[in-house]
């Protein structure tokens, strides 16, 4: 059986290799009624296997197998094809949109596959209007979840501030109607920024998972301005939105530039402003092997454009590329790398990461404990 599987896998790989060349010859073949030689080789392999009694499993989708084999030739773990249900991923995107974020609620899939309210922020608009965690959403603005599906109903959640969303809910087994007025207030959303004093230093833990990171940070900086030293903790931050990282860095630096390099050759820049009101104090940025993506952009901006900034910890993850999703004709999704970022005059750090100024090895499980030697090193540097 193992030998048979190896032969089958080899055949699929050969077919995938053939597809690479065959794709570019498709129109030519259609006009000239000729089969490219590399396709003939794949067909030859198929015939040999068939004649030898080696059959693909009946449920094999050869088209998808060929696509996956073809994409593997790009040797990029971020470029892949999937037919898996991406509803949860879709809901994650919806949760990052203004209505749920700034009204103070989140949605998801319940244990029974229901469309449910998974989180309601205390004292938020959602809380004040009576939405409860665990509410099953039956319909949104007349769009039935049972008839249209979760994705379609979730899409209807989005609309302008002040508009009324008609919700049919199921709470504790009882039906409930709620006319929900959409809000747009960043303070309602779940926190992704923490600011607190550590001695005479302002400690800021920050992530960039949505479009409101800068608004939240701005609202909290009044408490930070009385401090003349800042520690930014980006350890274990998976990143998020590049724009959010730039907007947050804008409070502390002037003239920072992130360049977006499309694979098609196009480039575009996003820059911080030249604002004399920026906070200019000694800063230390904590990074580790799990600091990635937008968090790396933030660290790179502060290091290059900030005054007296030190990076402390371990070499960062090294994700300087970005991806797009495209839905294909069969409903599958192609997730692919569309380009890369550069920050200032640094080369792209994809695959190599950003080296700290001062390396301090430490297990990430010690973050926030009395044995957090990386934080202690920052505090020592800032005096």
Foldseek 3Di string as FASTA:
>chain_A
DVVLVVLVLVLLLLLLVLCVVVVVCVVVCVVPVDHDPSVVVSVVSVVVCVVVVRDDPPPDDSVQSSQQSNQVVVVDPQWGWDPDDCVQVLQLVLCQDQQCFQQAWGWGADPVRFIFTQGGFPPGNCVVQPHDGGKGWQAKQPRGCVPPNDNVRSVSSDDDAQAWIWTWTADPNRIDIGTRGTHGHNVNGDDQWDWDDDDLEIEIEHAQAHDCRLVVCVVPCVVVLVGQEYEYEQELHQHHDLVSLQSNLLLFFAWKWKWWAFPVGDIDIDTRHHDPNHRAHAYEYEYEQNRDDSSLLNVLRCVVTHDNYFYEEAFYNADFWDWDWDQDPVRMITIDTGTGMDIDPDDRRHPPGDGTPYYDYDDPVCPPHPPPVRVVVRVVVND
